[in-house]
Amino acid sequence: MRIATIMLLAGFSYSVVLAFLQTYAKEEGFGNAASVFFMVFSIMMLLGRLFLGRIQDAYGDNVVMYPLILSFTGSLVLIALAPAGWVIVFAAVPAGLGFGSLFPCVQAIAVTLAGPARAALAVSTFFIMLDVGTGLGPVVLGFFTPAIGLRGVYLVGAALMGVALGLYWLFHDRRQQRQ
């Protein structure tokens, strides 16, 4: 399942938020911005999941996938460049919509592409890739933290999502255009 590679990269990128946001906010003097971030993130994730699946079903994968990937990418850039704590809290809106809704949308694509006979394999591959990305992300990207700092790590996460955008086009959108 090549489409699951997007979740590997998204997992890497999201793991930076999970592992380092509290430390980053504290080091930058942003108070409790990280705690508020996760509350706003959760609300936006729930809201996005309420309607984006229906939009995907009605209008197709591309209508939701490109905005979701760009939304999450933008949130990582906002976090990296945040001049104040309120920017981190604001970044939770596109992060919750982006990553929170990317999860079920990519899973739906994986299951659809696999077909009924291979749906279980598609779901397990999807979760393996997500788990590998989320598990290895802090270790791999954390290794570079002394050299590039936490702001740099968030920018690397954004760059990985840029790669995910290109892979989505290559693995799925381009394929649909040819059919």
C-alpha atoms as a PDB file:
ATOM      1  CA  MET A   1       0.000   0.000   0.000  1.00  0.00           C
ATOM      2  CA  ARG A   2       1.934   2.984  -1.248  1.00  0.00           C
ATOM      3  CA  ILE A   3      -0.737   5.386   0.007  1.00  0.00           C
ATOM      4  CA  ALA A   4       0.162   4.361   3.582  1.00  0.00           C
ATOM      5  CA  THR A   5       3.557   6.033   3.078  1.00  0.00           C
ATOM      6  CA  ILE A   6       1.717   9.322   3.547  1.00  0.00           C
ATOM      7  CA  MET A   7       0.821   8.218   7.068  1.00  0.00           C
ATOM      8  CA  LEU A   8       4.444   7.276   7.745  1.00  0.00           C
ATOM      9  CA  LEU A   9       5.471  10.848   6.940  1.00  0.00           C
ATOM     10  CA  ALA A  10       2.477  12.341   8.748  1.00  0.00           C
ATOM     11  CA  GLY A  11       3.305  10.190  11.777  1.00  0.00           C
ATOM     12  CA  PHE A  12       6.886  11.458  11.751  1.00  0.00           C
ATOM     13  CA  SER A  13       5.643  15.032  11.534  1.00  0.00           C
ATOM     14  CA  TYR A  14       2.939  14.653  14.172  1.00  0.00           C
ATOM     15  CA  SER A  15       5.343  12.932  16.544  1.00  0.00           C
ATOM     16  CA  VAL A  16       7.313  16.176  16.706  1.00  0.00           C
ATOM     17  CA  VAL A  17       4.204  17.898  18.028  1.00  0.00           C
ATOM     18  CA  LEU A  18       3.555  15.136  20.549  1.00  0.00           C
ATOM     19  CA  ALA A  19       7.127  14.808  21.776  1.00  0.00           C
ATOM     20  CA  PHE A  20       8.478  18.343  21.729  1.00  0.00           C
ATOM     21  CA  LEU A  21       5.672  20.918  21.884  1.00  0.00           C
ATOM     22  CA  GLN A  22       5.622  21.233  25.673  1.00  0.00           C
ATOM     23  CA  THR A  23       9.410  21.642  25.833  1.00  0.00           C
ATOM     24  CA  TYR A  24       9.385  24.059  22.908  1.00  0.00           C
ATOM     25  CA  ALA A  25       6.660  26.227  24.459  1.00  0.00           C
ATOM     26  CA  LYS A  26       8.491  26.274  27.781  1.00  0.00           C
ATOM     27  CA  GLU A  27      11.863  27.139  26.205  1.00  0.00           C
ATOM     28  CA  GLU A  28      10.289  29.961  24.183  1.00  0.00           C
ATOM     29  CA  GLY A  29       8.428  31.328  27.212  1.00  0.00           C
ATOM     30  CA  PHE A  30       4.969  30.636  25.772  1.00  0.00           C
ATOM     31  CA  GLY A  31       3.435  29.570  29.090  1.00  0.00           C
ATOM     32  CA  ASN A  32       0.665  27.011  28.843  1.00  0.00           C
ATOM     33  CA  ALA A  33       0.255  27.360  25.064  1.00  0.00           C
ATOM     34  CA  ALA A  34       1.045  23.673  24.521  1.00  0.00           C
ATOM     35  CA  SER A  35      -1.720  22.553  26.891  1.00  0.00           C
ATOM     36  CA  VAL A  36      -4.257  24.812  25.204  1.00  0.00           C
ATOM     37  CA  PHE A  37      -2.960  23.639  21.803  1.00  0.00           C
ATOM     38  CA  PHE A  38      -3.965  20.049  22.531  1.00  0.00           C
ATOM     39  CA  MET A  39      -7.447  21.060  23.720  1.00  0.00           C
ATOM     40  CA  VAL A  40      -8.067  23.102  20.556  1.00  0.00           C
ATOM     41  CA  PHE A  41      -6.465  20.345  18.439  1.00  0.00           C
ATOM     42  CA  SER A  42      -8.864  17.750  19.860  1.00  0.00           C
ATOM     43  CA  ILE A  43     -11.920  19.910  19.230  1.00  0.00           C
ATOM     44  CA  MET A  44     -10.878  20.653  15.649  1.00  0.00           C
ATOM     45  CA  MET A  45     -10.048  17.008  15.009  1.00  0.00           C
ATOM     46  CA  LEU A  46     -13.523  15.989  16.148  1.00  0.00           C
ATOM     47  CA  LEU A  47     -15.231  18.724  14.122  1.00  0.00           C
ATOM     48  CA  GLY A  48     -13.255  17.871  10.997  1.00  0.00           C
ATOM     49  CA  ARG A  49     -14.057  14.196  11.222  1.00  0.00           C
ATOM     50  CA  LEU A  50     -17.762  14.990  11.470  1.00  0.00           C
ATOM     51  CA  PHE A  51     -17.993  16.398   7.963  1.00  0.00           C
ATOM     52  CA  LEU A  52     -14.850  15.654   5.928  1.00  0.00           C
ATOM     53  CA  GLY A  53     -15.704  11.999   5.353  1.00  0.00           C
ATOM     54  CA  ARG A  54     -18.970  13.009   3.727  1.00  0.00           C
ATOM     55  CA  ILE A  55     -17.171  15.575   1.584  1.00  0.00           C
ATOM     56  CA  GLN A  56     -14.651  12.924   0.520  1.00  0.00           C
ATOM     57  CA  ASP A  57     -17.442  10.516  -0.393  1.00  0.00           C
ATOM     58  CA  ALA A  58     -19.381  13.152  -2.335  1.00  0.00           C
ATOM     59  CA  TYR A  59     -16.583  15.002  -4.147  1.00  0.00           C
ATOM     60  CA  GLY A  60     -13.609  12.657  -4.190  1.00  0.00           C
ATOM     61  CA  ASP A  61     -10.310  12.188  -2.427  1.00  0.00           C
ATOM     62  CA  ASN A  62      -8.450  15.159  -3.873  1.00  0.00           C
ATOM     63  CA  VAL A  63     -10.988  17.685  -2.619  1.00  0.00           C
ATOM     64  CA  VAL A  64     -10.082  16.788   0.958  1.00  0.00           C
ATOM     65  CA  MET A  65      -6.553  15.407   0.748  1.00  0.00           C
ATOM     66  CA  TYR A  66      -4.742  18.415  -0.674  1.00  0.00           C
ATOM     67  CA  PRO A  67      -6.258  20.887   1.829  1.00  0.00           C
ATOM     68  CA  LEU A  68      -5.636  18.508   4.745  1.00  0.00           C
ATOM     69  CA  ILE A  69      -1.978  17.971   3.910  1.00  0.00           C
ATOM     70  CA  LEU A  70      -1.464  21.696   3.312  1.00  0.00           C
ATOM     71  CA  SER A  71      -3.325  22.546   6.513  1.00  0.00           C
ATOM     72  CA  PHE A  72      -1.136  20.310   8.647  1.00  0.00           C
ATOM     73  CA  THR A  73       1.988  21.530   6.861  1.00  0.00           C
ATOM     74  CA  GLY A  74       1.000  25.131   7.522  1.00  0.00           C
ATOM     75  CA  SER A  75       0.410  24.409  11.196  1.00  0.00           C
ATOM     76  CA  LEU A  76       3.941  23.026  11.551  1.00  0.00           C
ATOM     77  CA  VAL A  77       5.360  26.154   9.912  1.00  0.00           C
ATOM     78  CA  LEU A  78       3.269  28.338  12.239  1.00  0.00           C
ATOM     79  CA  ILE A  79       4.605  26.477  15.265  1.00  0.00           C
ATOM     80  CA  ALA A  80       8.189  26.753  14.023  1.00  0.00           C
ATOM     81  CA  LEU A  81       7.927  30.490  13.409  1.00  0.00           C
ATOM     82  CA  ALA A  82       5.659  31.358  16.350  1.00  0.00           C
ATOM     83  CA  PRO A  83       6.572  34.706  17.923  1.00  0.00           C
ATOM     84  CA  ALA A  84       4.098  34.213  20.790  1.00  0.00           C
ATOM     85  CA  GLY A  85       2.074  31.531  22.528  1.00  0.00           C
ATOM     86  CA  TRP A  86      -1.197  32.544  20.884  1.00  0.00           C
ATOM     87  CA  VAL A  87       0.272  31.558  17.496  1.00  0.00           C
ATOM     88  CA  ILE A  88       0.865  28.034  18.787  1.00  0.00           C
ATOM     89  CA  VAL A  89      -2.722  27.890  20.034  1.00  0.00           C
ATOM     90  CA  PHE A  90      -3.939  29.196  16.664  1.00  0.00           C
ATOM     91  CA  ALA A  91      -1.827  26.538  14.895  1.00  0.00           C
ATOM     92  CA  ALA A  92      -3.931  23.889  16.636  1.00  0.00           C
ATOM     93  CA  VAL A  93      -6.845  24.739  14.324  1.00  0.00           C
ATOM     94  CA  PRO A  94      -5.172  23.717  11.046  1.00  0.00           C
ATOM     95  CA  ALA A  95      -3.266  20.927  12.832  1.00  0.00           C
ATOM     96  CA  GLY A  96      -6.448  19.378  14.226  1.00  0.00           C
ATOM     97  CA  LEU A  97      -8.259  19.665  10.924  1.00  0.00           C
ATOM     98  CA  GLY A  98      -5.214  18.593   8.923  1.00  0.00           C
ATOM     99  CA  PHE A  99      -3.718  15.676  10.801  1.00  0.00           C
ATOM    100  CA  GLY A 100      -6.893  14.729  12.638  1.00  0.00           C
ATOM    101  CA  SER A 101      -8.857  14.309   9.430  1.00  0.00           C
ATOM    102  CA  LEU A 102      -5.969  13.029   7.327  1.00  0.00           C
ATOM    103  CA  PHE A 103      -6.015   9.845   9.377  1.00  0.00           C
ATOM    104  CA  PRO A 104      -9.513   8.598   8.386  1.00  0.00           C
ATOM    105  CA  CYS A 105      -9.289   9.986   4.842  1.00  0.00           C
ATOM    106  CA  VAL A 106      -6.073   8.112   4.031  1.00  0.00           C
ATOM    107  CA  GLN A 107      -7.463   4.997   5.670  1.00  0.00           C
ATOM    108  CA  ALA A 108     -10.569   5.204   3.462  1.00  0.00           C
ATOM    109  CA  ILE A 109      -8.382   5.566   0.367  1.00  0.00           C
ATOM    110  CA  ALA A 110      -6.247   2.582   1.398  1.00  0.00           C
ATOM    111  CA  VAL A 111      -9.286   0.358   1.931  1.00  0.00           C
ATOM    112  CA  THR A 112     -10.891   1.477  -1.336  1.00  0.00           C
ATOM    113  CA  LEU A 113      -7.718   0.852  -3.325  1.00  0.00           C
ATOM    114  CA  ALA A 114      -7.212  -2.558  -1.727  1.00  0.00           C
ATOM    115  CA  GLY A 115     -10.727  -3.823  -2.338  1.00  0.00           C
ATOM    116  CA  PRO A 116     -12.765  -6.095  -0.078  1.00  0.00           C
ATOM    117  CA  ALA A 117     -10.430  -9.089  -0.313  1.00  0.00           C
ATOM    118  CA  ARG A 118      -7.382  -7.120   0.833  1.00  0.00           C
ATOM    119  CA  ALA A 119      -9.016  -4.541   3.131  1.00  0.00           C
ATOM    120  CA  ALA A 120      -7.591  -6.101   6.303  1.00  0.00           C
ATOM    121  CA  LEU A 121      -4.083  -6.023   4.850  1.00  0.00           C
ATOM    122  CA  ALA A 122      -4.566  -2.386   3.837  1.00  0.00           C
ATOM    123  CA  VAL A 123      -5.719  -1.379   7.313  1.00  0.00           C
ATOM    124  CA  SER A 124      -2.864  -3.212   9.033  1.00  0.00           C
ATOM    125  CA  THR A 125      -0.306  -1.685   6.656  1.00  0.00           C
ATOM    126  CA  PHE A 126      -1.827   1.749   7.258  1.00  0.00           C
ATOM    127  CA  PHE A 127      -1.494   1.390  11.036  1.00  0.00           C
ATOM    128  CA  ILE A 128       2.001  -0.092  10.847  1.00  0.00           C
ATOM    129  CA  MET A 129       3.188   2.896   8.823  1.00  0.00           C
ATOM    130  CA  LEU A 130       1.488   5.348  11.198  1.00  0.00           C
ATOM    131  CA  ASP A 131       2.969   3.597  14.242  1.00  0.00           C
ATOM    132  CA  VAL A 132       6.467   3.453  12.749  1.00  0.00           C
ATOM    133  CA  GLY A 133       6.334   7.154  11.909  1.00  0.00           C
ATOM    134  CA  THR A 134       4.967   8.153  15.290  1.00  0.00           C
ATOM    135  CA  GLY A 135       7.367   5.871  17.151  1.00  0.00           C
ATOM    136  CA  LEU A 136      10.563   6.643  15.261  1.00  0.00           C
ATOM    137  CA  GLY A 137       9.862  10.319  14.616  1.00  0.00           C
ATOM    138  CA  PRO A 138      10.973  11.655  18.003  1.00  0.00           C
ATOM    139  CA  VAL A 139      14.070   9.455  17.986  1.00  0.00           C
ATOM    140  CA  VAL A 140      15.184  10.285  14.453  1.00  0.00           C
ATOM    141  CA  LEU A 141      14.203  13.951  14.431  1.00  0.00           C
ATOM    142  CA  GLY A 142      15.249  14.405  18.053  1.00  0.00           C
ATOM    143  CA  PHE A 143      18.748  13.349  17.044  1.00  0.00           C
ATOM    144  CA  PHE A 144      18.991  16.524  14.949  1.00  0.00           C
ATOM    145  CA  THR A 145      17.617  18.838  17.638  1.00  0.00           C
ATOM    146  CA  PRO A 146      21.041  19.905  18.967  1.00  0.00           C
ATOM    147  CA  ALA A 147      22.071  20.974  15.460  1.00  0.00           C
ATOM    148  CA  ILE A 148      18.870  22.611  14.194  1.00  0.00           C
ATOM    149  CA  GLY A 149      16.902  23.380  17.358  1.00  0.00           C
ATOM    150  CA  LEU A 150      13.247  22.705  17.996  1.00  0.00           C
ATOM    151  CA  ARG A 151      12.132  25.348  15.505  1.00  0.00           C
ATOM    152  CA  GLY A 152      14.199  23.539  12.888  1.00  0.00           C
ATOM    153  CA  VAL A 153      12.661  20.197  13.800  1.00  0.00           C
ATOM    154  CA  TYR A 154       9.176  21.627  13.171  1.00  0.00           C
ATOM    155  CA  LEU A 155      10.347  22.914   9.801  1.00  0.00           C
ATOM    156  CA  VAL A 156      11.685  19.445   8.976  1.00  0.00           C
ATOM    157  CA  GLY A 157       8.252  18.078   9.895  1.00  0.00           C
ATOM    158  CA  ALA A 158       6.677  20.580   7.498  1.00  0.00           C
ATOM    159  CA  ALA A 159       9.134  19.538   4.781  1.00  0.00           C
ATOM    160  CA  LEU A 160       8.190  15.889   5.322  1.00  0.00           C
ATOM    161  CA  MET A 161       4.561  16.849   4.795  1.00  0.00           C
ATOM    162  CA  GLY A 162       5.617  18.569   1.582  1.00  0.00           C
ATOM    163  CA  VAL A 163       7.094  15.238   0.511  1.00  0.00           C
ATOM    164  CA  ALA A 164       3.814  13.567   1.538  1.00  0.00           C
ATOM    165  CA  LEU A 165       1.948  15.987  -0.723  1.00  0.00           C
ATOM    166  CA  GLY A 166       4.151  15.024  -3.652  1.00  0.00           C
ATOM    167  CA  LEU A 167       3.770  11.332  -2.901  1.00  0.00           C
ATOM    168  CA  TYR A 168       0.003  11.682  -2.720  1.00  0.00           C
ATOM    169  CA  TRP A 169       0.022  13.216  -6.174  1.00  0.00           C
ATOM    170  CA  LEU A 170       2.380  10.520  -7.458  1.00  0.00           C
ATOM    171  CA  PHE A 171       0.698   7.508  -5.853  1.00  0.00           C
ATOM    172  CA  HIS A 172      -2.959   8.461  -6.043  1.00  0.00           C
ATOM    173  CA  ASP A 173      -3.963  11.665  -7.819  1.00  0.00           C
ATOM    174  CA  ARG A 174      -1.856  11.059 -10.915  1.00  0.00           C
ATOM    175  CA  ARG A 175      -3.108   7.491 -11.049  1.00  0.00           C
ATOM    176  CA  GLN A 176      -6.716   8.690 -10.923  1.00  0.00           C
ATOM    177  CA  GLN A 177      -6.081  11.202 -13.690  1.00  0.00           C
ATOM    178  CA  ARG A 178      -4.829   8.436 -16.003  1.00  0.00           C
ATOM    179  CA  GLN A 179      -7.932   6.295 -15.456  1.00  0.00           C
END
